[in-house]
Protein backbone atom coordinates (compact mmCIF):
# COMPACT_ATOMS: atom_id res chain seq x y z
CA UNK A 1 0.00 0.00 0.00
CA UNK A 2 1.34 3.42 -0.96
CA UNK A 3 1.77 5.53 2.19
CA UNK A 4 1.43 8.76 0.18
CA UNK A 5 -2.20 8.04 -0.64
CA UNK A 6 -4.83 9.45 1.73
CA UNK A 7 -6.69 6.88 3.80
CA UNK A 8 -10.45 6.77 3.45
CA UNK A 9 -12.18 7.01 6.81
CA UNK A 10 -15.54 5.23 6.93
CA UNK A 11 -18.39 7.56 7.92
CA UNK A 12 -20.27 5.21 10.20
CA UNK A 13 -20.50 7.12 13.50
CA UNK A 14 -17.34 5.60 15.02
CA UNK A 15 -13.94 7.28 14.81
CA UNK A 16 -10.89 5.60 16.35
CA UNK A 17 -8.44 8.38 17.17
CA UNK A 18 -5.53 6.02 17.87
CA UNK A 19 -4.41 6.33 14.26
CA UNK A 20 -4.08 10.12 14.25
CA UNK A 21 -1.61 12.63 15.65
CA UNK A 22 -2.94 14.77 18.54
CA UNK A 23 -2.24 17.95 16.58
CA UNK A 24 -4.68 16.77 13.87
CA UNK A 25 -7.62 16.24 16.23
CA UNK A 26 -9.22 19.67 15.86
CA UNK A 27 -9.58 19.50 12.09
CA UNK A 28 -10.30 15.77 12.11
CA UNK A 29 -13.13 15.89 14.65
CA UNK A 30 -14.82 18.91 13.04
CA UNK A 31 -14.64 17.33 9.57
CA UNK A 32 -15.86 13.95 10.83
CA UNK A 33 -18.84 15.56 12.57
CA UNK A 34 -19.68 17.44 9.37
CA UNK A 35 -19.42 14.22 7.33
CA UNK A 36 -21.65 12.34 9.80
CA UNK A 37 -24.31 15.05 9.58
CA UNK A 38 -24.24 14.76 5.78
CA UNK A 39 -25.01 11.03 6.24
CA UNK A 40 -27.79 11.76 8.79
CA UNK A 41 -25.74 10.25 11.63
CA UNK A 42 -26.57 12.08 14.87
CA UNK A 43 -24.54 10.13 17.41
CA UNK A 44 -20.79 9.62 17.13
CA UNK A 45 -18.44 7.49 19.22
CA UNK A 46 -14.91 8.84 19.45
CA UNK A 47 -12.46 6.16 20.64
CA UNK A 48 -9.63 7.95 22.41
CA UNK A 49 -8.34 5.25 24.75
CA UNK A 50 -8.02 5.37 28.51
CA UNK A 51 -4.37 6.32 29.03
CA UNK A 52 -3.77 9.31 31.27
CA UNK A 53 -6.67 11.25 29.78
CA UNK A 54 -4.95 13.90 27.66
CA UNK A 55 -6.64 12.90 24.41
CA UNK A 56 -10.01 12.50 26.17
CA UNK A 57 -9.73 16.02 27.58
CA UNK A 58 -8.80 17.37 24.14
CA UNK A 59 -11.75 15.60 22.54
CA UNK A 60 -14.14 16.97 25.18
CA UNK A 61 -12.81 20.52 24.72
CA UNK A 62 -13.28 20.25 20.95
CA UNK A 63 -16.79 18.88 21.35
CA UNK A 64 -17.71 21.74 23.69
CA UNK A 65 -16.72 24.24 20.99
CA UNK A 66 -18.47 22.51 18.10
CA UNK A 67 -21.86 24.13 17.37
CA UNK A 68 -23.31 20.85 16.05
CA UNK A 69 -22.76 18.99 19.36
CA UNK A 70 -25.72 19.07 21.73
CA UNK A 71 -23.99 17.01 24.43
CA UNK A 72 -21.50 14.26 25.09
CA UNK A 73 -20.72 11.64 27.72
CA UNK A 74 -18.27 8.86 28.44
CA UNK A 75 -19.45 5.66 26.76
CA UNK A 76 -21.00 2.90 28.82
CA UNK A 77 -19.12 -0.36 29.34
CA UNK A 78 -20.29 -1.92 26.09
CA UNK A 79 -19.23 1.17 24.12
CA UNK A 80 -15.70 1.46 25.45
CA UNK A 81 -16.23 2.96 28.91
CA UNK A 82 -13.58 5.54 29.83
CA UNK A 83 -11.85 4.87 26.52
CA UNK A 84 -14.58 6.41 24.36
CA UNK A 85 -16.86 9.42 24.27
CA UNK A 86 -20.34 9.53 22.73
CA UNK A 87 -21.34 12.86 21.16
CA UNK A 88 -24.92 13.74 20.23
CA UNK A 89 -25.32 15.95 17.18
CA UNK A 90 -27.95 18.48 16.18
CA UNK A 91 -29.47 17.85 12.74
CA UNK A 92 -28.52 20.54 10.22
CA UNK A 93 -31.20 23.05 9.37
CA UNK A 94 -32.34 23.19 5.77
CA UNK A 95 -30.65 20.00 4.63
C-alpha cells in the first residue's frame, strides 16, 4: 500500500483516534462531525483510549466548541467505557 495516498475514513459514526496525531484532532473531529451530519448520523463514538486522559480532555474541549454537538458523555461499558466518548449531534437546518 502506498503511504502517500490518503486513507479513506468510513463515515459510520465511530472514529478511532488512535491512528491520528494529537495535533490533527481539531480538524479531524470537526470534519468527521460534518461528514456524519451529511449522512444523517446524529450520534458519534470517538475512541480515544483510557491512558492518562490527555486525548479525552482534548476531545471533550473540541466537542464543547463545536456548534453541532448538543452534548456528550463517556461511553458505557459496552461502548468502550472511559476509553470512548459519545457525542450527540444536532441535525442541520435546511438539509
